Each structure stands twice: as structure tokens, then as C-alpha cells.
Amino acid sequence: MAKKPRRPPTARAARRELARDVRKDVRDRQRVATQLPGAVPERAIEIASPAVVEVRAQAEPCPLCGGNQTCDEHAAVVVGGEPLREARLSCRLCHARRSVWFRIVPDRPN
């Protein structure tokens, strides 16, 4: 008995498959973004002065889409008894929000 030939996917099925692929890609990118330096307080980026927090945070592209990010605010936060700086960013393209953590380590004269 011969099998019936498969019909090509409908436009709706193709859109749904594309949407699933996009969601999977975003999940993968979010998982990778949690491993980046500064993604969590335990892996805070070391800087010399609080003046560079916003500049440094905005210099990194969005880990989800590669777009430019805007620093909405940055605040001094105490995490586990250690003073850190948290920069809250939002992407200009995909509007994703994320935080980048910084640890201030002043330069010591030699």
C-alpha cells in the first residue's frame, strides 16, 4: 500500500514553526547571557570608579538582539554585605531589560 504524499505546510503552520524557532533562539541567548561577566552579583565587573558604570554598561550590545542599550538607572546596592553597583539597562531594539553588576576596586598606588 503506497503512502499518500504529504501536503506542503500551510502559511499558518510555517508561521508557527518560525515563531517556535525564534522563541528557542531567544531562550538559548538568555541562557548564554546569564553566564556573561556582570550578569549576576557574584560575577560583578571590576571598575575603578562609579563614574564609568553607565558608560561601561551601555558599551555592551544587547545579548538577545545585538542592539544598543540604554542605562535607565544605576544604583548602589549591598549584596551579601558587599557594596556593588547595579546598572539597569533596556535595549533600544527589542526592549529587553537586564541588570549588569559592577564592583568598585579603586586603583592602588605602587
PDB file of N, CA and C in Angstrom:
ATOM      1  N   MET A   1       0.841  -1.172   0.000  1.00  0.00           N
ATOM      2  CA  MET A   1       0.000   0.000   0.000  1.00  0.00           C
ATOM      3  C   MET A   1       0.888   1.237   0.000  1.00  0.00           C
ATOM      4  N   ALA A   2       0.701   2.127  -0.918  1.00  0.00           N
ATOM      5  CA  ALA A   2       1.525   3.325  -1.056  1.00  0.00           C
ATOM      6  C   ALA A   2       1.026   4.422  -0.115  1.00  0.00           C
ATOM      7  N   LYS A   3       1.993   5.186   0.419  1.00  0.00           N
ATOM      8  CA  LYS A   3       1.626   6.299   1.305  1.00  0.00           C
ATOM      9  C   LYS A   3       1.154   7.480   0.481  1.00  0.00           C
ATOM     10  N   LYS A   4       0.272   8.243   1.070  1.00  0.00           N
ATOM     11  CA  LYS A   4      -0.170   9.461   0.413  1.00  0.00           C
ATOM     12  C   LYS A   4       0.951  10.490   0.491  1.00  0.00           C
ATOM     13  N   PRO A   5       1.154  11.265  -0.555  1.00  0.00           N
ATOM     14  CA  PRO A   5       2.184  12.311  -0.471  1.00  0.00           C
ATOM     15  C   PRO A   5       1.762  13.386   0.524  1.00  0.00           C
ATOM     16  N   ARG A   6       2.749  13.901   1.273  1.00  0.00           N
ATOM     17  CA  ARG A   6       2.462  14.950   2.263  1.00  0.00           C
ATOM     18  C   ARG A   6       2.180  16.258   1.557  1.00  0.00           C
ATOM     19  N   ARG A   7       1.218  16.950   2.112  1.00  0.00           N
ATOM     20  CA  ARG A   7       0.924  18.274   1.574  1.00  0.00           C
ATOM     21  C   ARG A   7       1.952  19.253   2.107  1.00  0.00           C
ATOM     22  N   PRO A   8       2.270  20.268   1.345  1.00  0.00           N
ATOM     23  CA  PRO A   8       3.186  21.284   1.868  1.00  0.00           C
ATOM     24  C   PRO A   8       2.528  22.003   3.042  1.00  0.00           C
ATOM     25  N   PRO A   9       3.340  22.484   3.992  1.00  0.00           N
ATOM     26  CA  PRO A   9       2.746  23.155   5.157  1.00  0.00           C
ATOM     27  C   PRO A   9       1.992  24.413   4.736  1.00  0.00           C
ATOM     28  N   THR A  10       0.945  24.679   5.477  1.00  0.00           N
ATOM     29  CA  THR A  10       0.165  25.893   5.220  1.00  0.00           C
ATOM     30  C   THR A  10       0.947  27.105   5.703  1.00  0.00           C
ATOM     31  N   ALA A  11       0.489  28.270   5.318  1.00  0.00           N
ATOM     32  CA  ALA A  11       1.156  29.504   5.739  1.00  0.00           C
ATOM     33  C   ALA A  11       1.118  29.627   7.263  1.00  0.00           C
ATOM     34  N   ARG A  12       0.006  29.233   7.860  1.00  0.00           N
ATOM     35  CA  ARG A  12      -0.113  29.307   9.322  1.00  0.00           C
ATOM     36  C   ARG A  12       0.890  28.373   9.990  1.00  0.00           C
ATOM     37  N   ALA A  13       1.013  27.159   9.484  1.00  0.00           N
ATOM     38  CA  ALA A  13       1.964  26.199  10.055  1.00  0.00           C
ATOM     39  C   ALA A  13       3.392  26.710   9.915  1.00  0.00           C
ATOM     40  N   ALA A  14       3.704  27.320   8.791  1.00  0.00           N
ATOM     41  CA  ALA A  14       5.049  27.873   8.592  1.00  0.00           C
ATOM     42  C   ALA A  14       5.319  29.003   9.580  1.00  0.00           C
ATOM     43  N   ARG A  15       4.327  29.869   9.804  1.00  0.00           N
ATOM     44  CA  ARG A  15       4.495  30.964  10.784  1.00  0.00           C
ATOM     45  C   ARG A  15       4.694  30.425  12.191  1.00  0.00           C
ATOM     46  N   ARG A  16       3.924  29.392  12.548  1.00  0.00           N
ATOM     47  CA  ARG A  16       4.050  28.796  13.885  1.00  0.00           C
ATOM     48  C   ARG A  16       5.429  28.164  14.069  1.00  0.00           C
ATOM     49  N   GLU A  17       5.921  27.495  13.047  1.00  0.00           N
ATOM     50  CA  GLU A  17       7.249  26.888  13.128  1.00  0.00           C
ATOM     51  C   GLU A  17       8.331  27.960  13.273  1.00  0.00           C
ATOM     52  N   LEU A  18       8.195  29.036  12.527  1.00  0.00           N
ATOM     53  CA  LEU A  18       9.150  30.145  12.639  1.00  0.00           C
ATOM     54  C   LEU A  18       9.099  30.762  14.035  1.00  0.00           C
ATOM     55  N   ALA A  19       7.898  30.945  14.588  1.00  0.00           N
ATOM     56  CA  ALA A  19       7.755  31.510  15.937  1.00  0.00           C
ATOM     57  C   ALA A  19       8.406  30.592  16.975  1.00  0.00           C
ATOM     58  N   ARG A  20       8.237  29.276  16.826  1.00  0.00           N
ATOM     59  CA  ARG A  20       8.889  28.327  17.754  1.00  0.00           C
ATOM     60  C   ARG A  20      10.402  28.437  17.669  1.00  0.00           C
ATOM     61  N   ASP A  21      10.920  28.564  16.460  1.00  0.00           N
ATOM     62  CA  ASP A  21      12.373  28.698  16.281  1.00  0.00           C
ATOM     63  C   ASP A  21      12.894  29.979  16.919  1.00  0.00           C
ATOM     64  N   VAL A  22      12.147  31.060  16.773  1.00  0.00           N
ATOM     65  CA  VAL A  22      12.558  32.342  17.363  1.00  0.00           C
ATOM     66  C   VAL A  22      12.557  32.251  18.882  1.00  0.00           C
ATOM     67  N   ARG A  23      11.494  31.652  19.459  1.00  0.00           N
ATOM     68  CA  ARG A  23      11.429  31.507  20.925  1.00  0.00           C
ATOM     69  C   ARG A  23      12.584  30.650  21.440  1.00  0.00           C
ATOM     70  N   LYS A  24      12.903  29.582  20.720  1.00  0.00           N
ATOM     71  CA  LYS A  24      14.013  28.718  21.127  1.00  0.00           C
ATOM     72  C   LYS A  24      15.331  29.489  21.078  1.00  0.00           C
ATOM     73  N   ASP A  25      15.527  30.280  20.027  1.00  0.00           N
ATOM     74  CA  ASP A  25      16.748  31.084  19.899  1.00  0.00           C
ATOM     75  C   ASP A  25      16.856  32.093  21.042  1.00  0.00           C
ATOM     76  N   VAL A  26      15.748  32.740  21.403  1.00  0.00           N
ATOM     77  CA  VAL A  26      15.764  33.712  22.496  1.00  0.00           C
ATOM     78  C   VAL A  26      16.091  33.024  23.816  1.00  0.00           C
ATOM     79  N   ARG A  27      15.502  31.846  24.061  1.00  0.00           N
ATOM     80  CA  ARG A  27      15.819  31.102  25.293  1.00  0.00           C
ATOM     81  C   ARG A  27      17.299  30.760  25.365  1.00  0.00           C
ATOM     82  N   ASP A  28      17.868  30.322  24.239  1.00  0.00           N
ATOM     83  CA  ASP A  28      19.297  29.988  24.204  1.00  0.00           C
ATOM     84  C   ASP A  28      20.147  31.228  24.489  1.00  0.00           C
ATOM     85  N   ARG A  29      19.793  32.351  23.876  1.00  0.00           N
ATOM     86  CA  ARG A  29      20.545  33.585  24.091  1.00  0.00           C
ATOM     87  C   ARG A  29      20.424  34.074  25.536  1.00  0.00           C
ATOM     88  N   GLN A  30      19.245  33.917  26.137  1.00  0.00           N
ATOM     89  CA  GLN A  30      19.080  34.310  27.540  1.00  0.00           C
ATOM     90  C   GLN A  30      19.927  33.435  28.447  1.00  0.00           C
ATOM     91  N   ARG A  31      19.993  32.159  28.156  1.00  0.00           N
ATOM     92  CA  ARG A  31      20.804  31.249  28.970  1.00  0.00           C
ATOM     93  C   ARG A  31      22.284  31.634  28.869  1.00  0.00           C
ATOM     94  N   VAL A  32      22.748  31.959  27.678  1.00  0.00           N
ATOM     95  CA  VAL A  32      24.137  32.385  27.495  1.00  0.00           C
ATOM     96  C   VAL A  32      24.379  33.716  28.204  1.00  0.00           C
ATOM     97  N   ALA A  33      23.406  34.625  28.150  1.00  0.00           N
ATOM     98  CA  ALA A  33      23.554  35.943  28.773  1.00  0.00           C
ATOM     99  C   ALA A  33      23.725  35.848  30.285  1.00  0.00           C
ATOM    100  N   THR A  34      23.156  34.828  30.911  1.00  0.00           N
ATOM    101  CA  THR A  34      23.305  34.682  32.364  1.00  0.00           C
ATOM    102  C   THR A  34      24.722  34.269  32.749  1.00  0.00           C
ATOM    103  N   GLN A  35      25.517  33.824  31.782  1.00  0.00           N
ATOM    104  CA  GLN A  35      26.892  33.421  32.053  1.00  0.00           C
ATOM    105  C   GLN A  35      27.902  34.534  31.785  1.00  0.00           C
ATOM    106  N   LEU A  36      27.453  35.656  31.250  1.00  0.00           N
ATOM    107  CA  LEU A  36      28.359  36.763  30.932  1.00  0.00           C
ATOM    108  C   LEU A  36      28.868  37.447  32.189  1.00  0.00           C
ATOM    109  N   PRO A  37      30.049  38.077  32.121  1.00  0.00           N
ATOM    110  CA  PRO A  37      30.533  38.851  33.267  1.00  0.00           C
ATOM    111  C   PRO A  37      29.547  39.981  33.584  1.00  0.00           C
ATOM    112  N   GLY A  38      29.249  40.117  34.874  1.00  0.00           N
ATOM    113  CA  GLY A  38      28.348  41.172  35.315  1.00  0.00           C
ATOM    114  C   GLY A  38      26.882  40.788  35.290  1.00  0.00           C
ATOM    115  N   ALA A  39      26.552  39.590  34.837  1.00  0.00           N
ATOM    116  CA  ALA A  39      25.153  39.183  34.758  1.00  0.00           C
ATOM    117  C   ALA A  39      24.541  38.935  36.135  1.00  0.00           C
ATOM    118  N   VAL A  40      25.365  38.525  37.079  1.00  0.00           N
ATOM    119  CA  VAL A  40      24.903  38.270  38.447  1.00  0.00           C
ATOM    120  C   VAL A  40      25.900  38.922  39.410  1.00  0.00           C
ATOM    121  N   PRO A  41      25.458  39.248  40.625  1.00  0.00           N
ATOM    122  CA  PRO A  41      26.363  39.907  41.576  1.00  0.00           C
ATOM    123  C   PRO A  41      27.644  39.131  41.856  1.00  0.00           C
ATOM    124  N   GLU A  42      27.590  37.811  41.798  1.00  0.00           N
ATOM    125  CA  GLU A  42      28.778  37.009  42.080  1.00  0.00           C
ATOM    126  C   GLU A  42      29.859  37.184  41.012  1.00  0.00           C
ATOM    127  N   ARG A  43      29.469  37.586  39.807  1.00  0.00           N
ATOM    128  CA  ARG A  43      30.428  37.812  38.725  1.00  0.00           C
ATOM    129  C   ARG A  43      30.439  39.282  38.311  1.00  0.00           C
ATOM    130  N   ALA A  44      30.446  40.157  39.299  1.00  0.00           N
ATOM    131  CA  ALA A  44      30.433  41.594  39.027  1.00  0.00           C
ATOM    132  C   ALA A  44      31.710  42.011  38.295  1.00  0.00           C
ATOM    133  N   ILE A  45      31.567  42.983  37.404  1.00  0.00           N
ATOM    134  CA  ILE A  45      32.697  43.518  36.645  1.00  0.00           C
ATOM    135  C   ILE A  45      33.430  44.520  37.530  1.00  0.00           C
ATOM    136  N   GLU A  46      34.742  44.397  37.617  1.00  0.00           N
ATOM    137  CA  GLU A  46      35.525  45.295  38.457  1.00  0.00           C
ATOM    138  C   GLU A  46      35.832  46.581  37.692  1.00  0.00           C
ATOM    139  N   ILE A  47      35.552  47.705  38.362  1.00  0.00           N
ATOM    140  CA  ILE A  47      35.824  49.020  37.778  1.00  0.00           C
ATOM    141  C   ILE A  47      36.522  49.876  38.826  1.00  0.00           C
ATOM    142  N   ALA A  48      37.144  50.967  38.381  1.00  0.00           N
ATOM    143  CA  ALA A  48      37.906  51.814  39.293  1.00  0.00           C
ATOM    144  C   ALA A  48      37.066  52.918  39.923  1.00  0.00           C
ATOM    145  N   SER A  49      35.984  53.320  39.262  1.00  0.00           N
ATOM    146  CA  SER A  49      35.211  54.454  39.750  1.00  0.00           C
ATOM    147  C   SER A  49      33.742  54.294  39.361  1.00  0.00           C
ATOM    148  N   PRO A  50      32.833  54.784  40.192  1.00  0.00           N
ATOM    149  CA  PRO A  50      31.410  54.708  39.827  1.00  0.00           C
ATOM    150  C   PRO A  50      31.068  55.569  38.615  1.00  0.00           C
ATOM    151  N   ALA A  51      31.949  56.470  38.236  1.00  0.00           N
ATOM    152  CA  ALA A  51      31.696  57.347  37.092  1.00  0.00           C
ATOM    153  C   ALA A  51      31.649  56.574  35.775  1.00  0.00           C
ATOM    154  N   VAL A  52      32.225  55.391  35.725  1.00  0.00           N
ATOM    155  CA  VAL A  52      32.265  54.634  34.478  1.00  0.00           C
ATOM    156  C   VAL A  52      31.163  53.586  34.363  1.00  0.00           C
ATOM    157  N   VAL A  53      30.291  53.497  35.366  1.00  0.00           N
ATOM    158  CA  VAL A  53      29.246  52.474  35.358  1.00  0.00           C
ATOM    159  C   VAL A  53      28.367  52.593  34.117  1.00  0.00           C
ATOM    160  N   GLU A  54      27.788  53.758  33.889  1.00  0.00           N
ATOM    161  CA  GLU A  54      26.858  53.917  32.771  1.00  0.00           C
ATOM    162  C   GLU A  54      27.556  53.758  31.425  1.00  0.00           C
ATOM    163  N   VAL A  55      28.746  54.337  31.301  1.00  0.00           N
ATOM    164  CA  VAL A  55      29.485  54.245  30.037  1.00  0.00           C
ATOM    165  C   VAL A  55      29.810  52.795  29.728  1.00  0.00           C
ATOM    166  N   ARG A  56      30.298  52.089  30.710  1.00  0.00           N
ATOM    167  CA  ARG A  56      30.689  50.689  30.530  1.00  0.00           C
ATOM    168  C   ARG A  56      29.476  49.807  30.246  1.00  0.00           C
ATOM    169  N   ALA A  57      28.361  50.072  30.947  1.00  0.00           N
ATOM    170  CA  ALA A  57      27.163  49.252  30.757  1.00  0.00           C
ATOM    171  C   ALA A  57      26.574  49.448  29.365  1.00  0.00           C
ATOM    172  N   GLN A  58      26.523  50.681  28.890  1.00  0.00           N
ATOM    173  CA  GLN A  58      25.945  50.962  27.582  1.00  0.00           C
ATOM    174  C   GLN A  58      26.840  50.531  26.424  1.00  0.00           C
ATOM    175  N   ALA A  59      28.116  50.308  26.694  1.00  0.00           N
ATOM    176  CA  ALA A  59      29.053  49.907  25.644  1.00  0.00           C
ATOM    177  C   ALA A  59      28.802  48.487  25.162  1.00  0.00           C
ATOM    178  N   GLU A  60      28.217  47.652  26.006  1.00  0.00           N
ATOM    179  CA  GLU A  60      27.946  46.261  25.641  1.00  0.00           C
ATOM    180  C   GLU A  60      26.670  46.173  24.808  1.00  0.00           C
ATOM    181  N   PRO A  61      26.676  45.395  23.731  1.00  0.00           N
ATOM    182  CA  PRO A  61      25.446  45.216  22.957  1.00  0.00           C
ATOM    183  C   PRO A  61      24.459  44.315  23.697  1.00  0.00           C
ATOM    184  N   CYS A  62      23.218  44.405  23.326  1.00  0.00           N
ATOM    185  CA  CYS A  62      22.179  43.554  23.910  1.00  0.00           C
ATOM    186  C   CYS A  62      22.517  42.092  23.598  1.00  0.00           C
ATOM    187  N   PRO A  63      22.505  41.226  24.611  1.00  0.00           N
ATOM    188  CA  PRO A  63      22.843  39.825  24.354  1.00  0.00           C
ATOM    189  C   PRO A  63      21.758  39.079  23.574  1.00  0.00           C
ATOM    190  N   LEU A  64      20.562  39.643  23.480  1.00  0.00           N
ATOM    191  CA  LEU A  64      19.495  38.961  22.759  1.00  0.00           C
ATOM    192  C   LEU A  64      19.445  39.324  21.282  1.00  0.00           C
ATOM    193  N   CYS A  65      19.609  40.627  20.975  1.00  0.00           N
ATOM    194  CA  CYS A  65      19.467  41.042  19.571  1.00  0.00           C
ATOM    195  C   CYS A  65      20.684  41.773  19.027  1.00  0.00           C
ATOM    196  N   GLY A  66      21.626  42.146  19.898  1.00  0.00           N
ATOM    197  CA  GLY A  66      22.815  42.866  19.447  1.00  0.00           C
ATOM    198  C   GLY A  66      22.619  44.363  19.327  1.00  0.00           C
ATOM    199  N   GLY A  67      21.461  44.857  19.732  1.00  0.00           N
ATOM    200  CA  GLY A  67      21.173  46.293  19.635  1.00  0.00           C
ATOM    201  C   GLY A  67      21.848  47.104  20.722  1.00  0.00           C
ATOM    202  N   ASN A  68      21.742  48.431  20.606  1.00  0.00           N
ATOM    203  CA  ASN A  68      22.288  49.336  21.617  1.00  0.00           C
ATOM    204  C   ASN A  68      21.392  49.328  22.844  1.00  0.00           C
ATOM    205  N   GLN A  69      22.014  49.518  24.000  1.00  0.00           N
ATOM    206  CA  GLN A  69      21.269  49.530  25.249  1.00  0.00           C
ATOM    207  C   GLN A  69      21.305  50.921  25.870  1.00  0.00           C
ATOM    208  N   THR A  70      20.269  51.227  26.630  1.00  0.00           N
ATOM    209  CA  THR A  70      20.187  52.481  27.355  1.00  0.00           C
ATOM    210  C   THR A  70      20.223  52.172  28.842  1.00  0.00           C
ATOM    211  N   CYS A  71      21.011  52.935  29.574  1.00  0.00           N
ATOM    212  CA  CYS A  71      21.063  52.765  31.023  1.00  0.00           C
ATOM    213  C   CYS A  71      19.919  53.573  31.626  1.00  0.00           C
ATOM    214  N   ASP A  72      18.893  52.878  32.112  1.00  0.00           N
ATOM    215  CA  ASP A  72      17.742  53.547  32.698  1.00  0.00           C
ATOM    216  C   ASP A  72      18.103  54.161  34.041  1.00  0.00           C
ATOM    217  N   GLU A  73      18.897  53.433  34.818  1.00  0.00           N
ATOM    218  CA  GLU A  73      19.377  53.951  36.099  1.00  0.00           C
ATOM    219  C   GLU A  73      20.499  53.065  36.603  1.00  0.00           C
ATOM    220  N   HIS A  74      21.274  53.598  37.524  1.00  0.00           N
ATOM    221  CA  HIS A  74      22.220  52.740  38.231  1.00  0.00           C
ATOM    222  C   HIS A  74      22.191  53.144  39.693  1.00  0.00           C
ATOM    223  N   ALA A  75      22.321  52.114  40.536  1.00  0.00           N
ATOM    224  CA  ALA A  75      22.154  52.336  41.962  1.00  0.00           C
ATOM    225  C   ALA A  75      23.210  51.574  42.747  1.00  0.00           C
ATOM    226  N   ALA A  76      23.516  52.113  43.920  1.00  0.00           N
ATOM    227  CA  ALA A  76      24.406  51.419  44.846  1.00  0.00           C
ATOM    228  C   ALA A  76      23.558  50.416  45.626  1.00  0.00           C
ATOM    229  N   VAL A  77      23.995  49.161  45.619  1.00  0.00           N
ATOM    230  CA  VAL A  77      23.247  48.085  46.260  1.00  0.00           C
ATOM    231  C   VAL A  77      24.217  47.272  47.106  1.00  0.00           C
ATOM    232  N   VAL A  78      23.783  46.836  48.274  1.00  0.00           N
ATOM    233  CA  VAL A  78      24.601  45.972  49.125  1.00  0.00           C
ATOM    234  C   VAL A  78      24.086  44.542  48.948  1.00  0.00           C
ATOM    235  N   VAL A  79      24.961  43.664  48.475  1.00  0.00           N
ATOM    236  CA  VAL A  79      24.610  42.263  48.257  1.00  0.00           C
ATOM    237  C   VAL A  79      25.566  41.411  49.072  1.00  0.00           C
ATOM    238  N   GLY A  80      25.036  40.679  50.017  1.00  0.00           N
ATOM    239  CA  GLY A  80      25.873  39.820  50.851  1.00  0.00           C
ATOM    240  C   GLY A  80      26.913  40.608  51.639  1.00  0.00           C
ATOM    241  N   GLY A  81      26.580  41.826  52.050  1.00  0.00           N
ATOM    242  CA  GLY A  81      27.499  42.654  52.814  1.00  0.00           C
ATOM    243  C   GLY A  81      28.526  43.383  51.965  1.00  0.00           C
ATOM    244  N   GLU A  82      28.479  43.226  50.655  1.00  0.00           N
ATOM    245  CA  GLU A  82      29.439  43.870  49.768  1.00  0.00           C
ATOM    246  C   GLU A  82      28.734  44.959  48.951  1.00  0.00           C
ATOM    247  N   PRO A  83      29.301  46.172  48.932  1.00  0.00           N
ATOM    248  CA  PRO A  83      28.685  47.229  48.128  1.00  0.00           C
ATOM    249  C   PRO A  83      28.965  47.031  46.636  1.00  0.00           C
ATOM    250  N   LEU A  84      27.907  47.008  45.842  1.00  0.00           N
ATOM    251  CA  LEU A  84      28.016  46.841  44.393  1.00  0.00           C
ATOM    252  C   LEU A  84      27.208  47.937  43.712  1.00  0.00           C
ATOM    253  N   ARG A  85      27.400  48.081  42.425  1.00  0.00           N
ATOM    254  CA  ARG A  85      26.597  48.982  41.607  1.00  0.00           C
ATOM    255  C   ARG A  85      25.796  48.138  40.633  1.00  0.00           C
ATOM    256  N   GLU A  86      24.517  48.429  40.523  1.00  0.00           N
ATOM    257  CA  GLU A  86      23.648  47.730  39.578  1.00  0.00           C
ATOM    258  C   GLU A  86      23.191  48.721  38.521  1.00  0.00           C
ATOM    259  N   ALA A  87      23.507  48.441  37.281  1.00  0.00           N
ATOM    260  CA  ALA A  87      23.046  49.261  36.162  1.00  0.00           C
ATOM    261  C   ALA A  87      21.858  48.541  35.531  1.00  0.00           C
ATOM    262  N   ARG A  88      20.727  49.219  35.484  1.00  0.00           N
ATOM    263  CA  ARG A  88      19.526  48.638  34.877  1.00  0.00           C
ATOM    264  C   ARG A  88      19.429  49.157  33.445  1.00  0.00           C
ATOM    265  N   LEU A  89      19.466  48.219  32.507  1.00  0.00           N
ATOM    266  CA  LEU A  89      19.519  48.563  31.086  1.00  0.00           C
ATOM    267  C   LEU A  89      18.261  48.111  30.367  1.00  0.00           C
ATOM    268  N   SER A  90      17.958  48.790  29.273  1.00  0.00           N
ATOM    269  CA  SER A  90      16.909  48.329  28.368  1.00  0.00           C
ATOM    270  C   SER A  90      17.426  48.490  26.942  1.00  0.00           C
ATOM    271  N   CYS A  91      17.076  47.519  26.103  1.00  0.00           N
ATOM    272  CA  CYS A  91      17.520  47.521  24.713  1.00  0.00           C
ATOM    273  C   CYS A  91      16.641  48.458  23.893  1.00  0.00           C
ATOM    274  N   ARG A  92      17.264  49.206  23.004  1.00  0.00           N
ATOM    275  CA  ARG A  92      16.510  50.124  22.156  1.00  0.00           C
ATOM    276  C   ARG A  92      15.752  49.399  21.054  1.00  0.00           C
ATOM    277  N   LEU A  93      16.199  48.194  20.680  1.00  0.00           N
ATOM    278  CA  LEU A  93      15.532  47.451  19.597  1.00  0.00           C
ATOM    279  C   LEU A  93      14.468  46.486  20.114  1.00  0.00           C
ATOM    280  N   CYS A  94      14.875  45.559  20.970  1.00  0.00           N
ATOM    281  CA  CYS A  94      13.937  44.522  21.414  1.00  0.00           C
ATOM    282  C   CYS A  94      13.277  44.846  22.755  1.00  0.00           C
ATOM    283  N   HIS A  95      13.698  45.919  23.398  1.00  0.00           N
ATOM    284  CA  HIS A  95      13.138  46.399  24.663  1.00  0.00           C
ATOM    285  C   HIS A  95      13.335  45.423  25.824  1.00  0.00           C
ATOM    286  N   ALA A  96      14.281  44.503  25.688  1.00  0.00           N
ATOM    287  CA  ALA A  96      14.590  43.573  26.777  1.00  0.00           C
ATOM    288  C   ALA A  96      15.258  44.347  27.908  1.00  0.00           C
ATOM    289  N   ARG A  97      14.955  43.958  29.120  1.00  0.00           N
ATOM    290  CA  ARG A  97      15.538  44.600  30.292  1.00  0.00           C
ATOM    291  C   ARG A  97      16.504  43.626  30.941  1.00  0.00           C
ATOM    292  N   ARG A  98      17.608  44.167  31.474  1.00  0.00           N
ATOM    293  CA  ARG A  98      18.562  43.344  32.205  1.00  0.00           C
ATOM    294  C   ARG A  98      19.373  44.222  33.124  1.00  0.00           C
ATOM    295  N   SER A  99      20.042  43.607  34.071  1.00  0.00           N
ATOM    296  CA  SER A  99      20.910  44.313  35.006  1.00  0.00           C
ATOM    297  C   SER A  99      22.344  43.861  34.788  1.00  0.00           C
ATOM    298  N   VAL A 100      23.272  44.802  34.944  1.00  0.00           N
ATOM    299  CA  VAL A 100      24.697  44.491  34.901  1.00  0.00           C
ATOM    300  C   VAL A 100      25.278  44.955  36.226  1.00  0.00           C
ATOM    301  N   TRP A 101      26.075  44.103  36.851  1.00  0.00           N
ATOM    302  CA  TRP A 101      26.615  44.369  38.175  1.00  0.00           C
ATOM    303  C   TRP A 101      28.083  44.762  38.092  1.00  0.00           C
ATOM    304  N   PHE A 102      28.468  45.724  38.957  1.00  0.00           N
ATOM    305  CA  PHE A 102      29.842  46.229  38.997  1.00  0.00           C
ATOM    306  C   PHE A 102      30.350  46.256  40.431  1.00  0.00           C
ATOM    307  N   ARG A 103      31.635  45.981  40.587  1.00  0.00           N
ATOM    308  CA  ARG A 103      32.316  46.063  41.877  1.00  0.00           C
ATOM    309  C   ARG A 103      33.376  47.151  41.746  1.00  0.00           C
ATOM    310  N   ILE A 104      33.367  48.107  42.658  1.00  0.00           N
ATOM    311  CA  ILE A 104      34.346  49.207  42.601  1.00  0.00           C
ATOM    312  C   ILE A 104      35.597  48.771  43.337  1.00  0.00           C
ATOM    313  N   VAL A 105      36.690  48.731  42.577  1.00  0.00           N
ATOM    314  CA  VAL A 105      38.007  48.369  43.126  1.00  0.00           C
ATOM    315  C   VAL A 105      38.935  49.534  42.798  1.00  0.00           C
ATOM    316  N   PRO A 106      39.162  50.446  43.760  1.00  0.00           N
ATOM    317  CA  PRO A 106      40.000  51.603  43.473  1.00  0.00           C
ATOM    318  C   PRO A 106      41.433  51.191  43.118  1.00  0.00           C
ATOM    319  N   ASP A 107      42.025  51.948  42.213  1.00  0.00           N
ATOM    320  CA  ASP A 107      43.425  51.705  41.869  1.00  0.00           C
ATOM    321  C   ASP A 107      44.292  52.010  43.072  1.00  0.00           C
ATOM    322  N   ARG A 108      45.240  51.133  43.314  1.00  0.00           N
ATOM    323  CA  ARG A 108      46.159  51.337  44.451  1.00  0.00           C
ATOM    324  C   ARG A 108      47.496  51.785  43.904  1.00  0.00           C
ATOM    325  N   PRO A 109      48.073  52.836  44.477  1.00  0.00           N
ATOM    326  CA  PRO A 109      49.394  53.269  44.010  1.00  0.00           C
ATOM    327  C   PRO A 109      50.450  52.217  44.330  1.00  0.00           C
ATOM    328  N   ASN A 110      51.417  52.109  43.430  1.00  0.00           N
ATOM    329  CA  ASN A 110      52.507  51.111  43.619  1.00  0.00           C
ATOM    330  C   ASN A 110      53.499  51.550  44.642  1.00  0.00           C
TER     331      ASN A 110
END
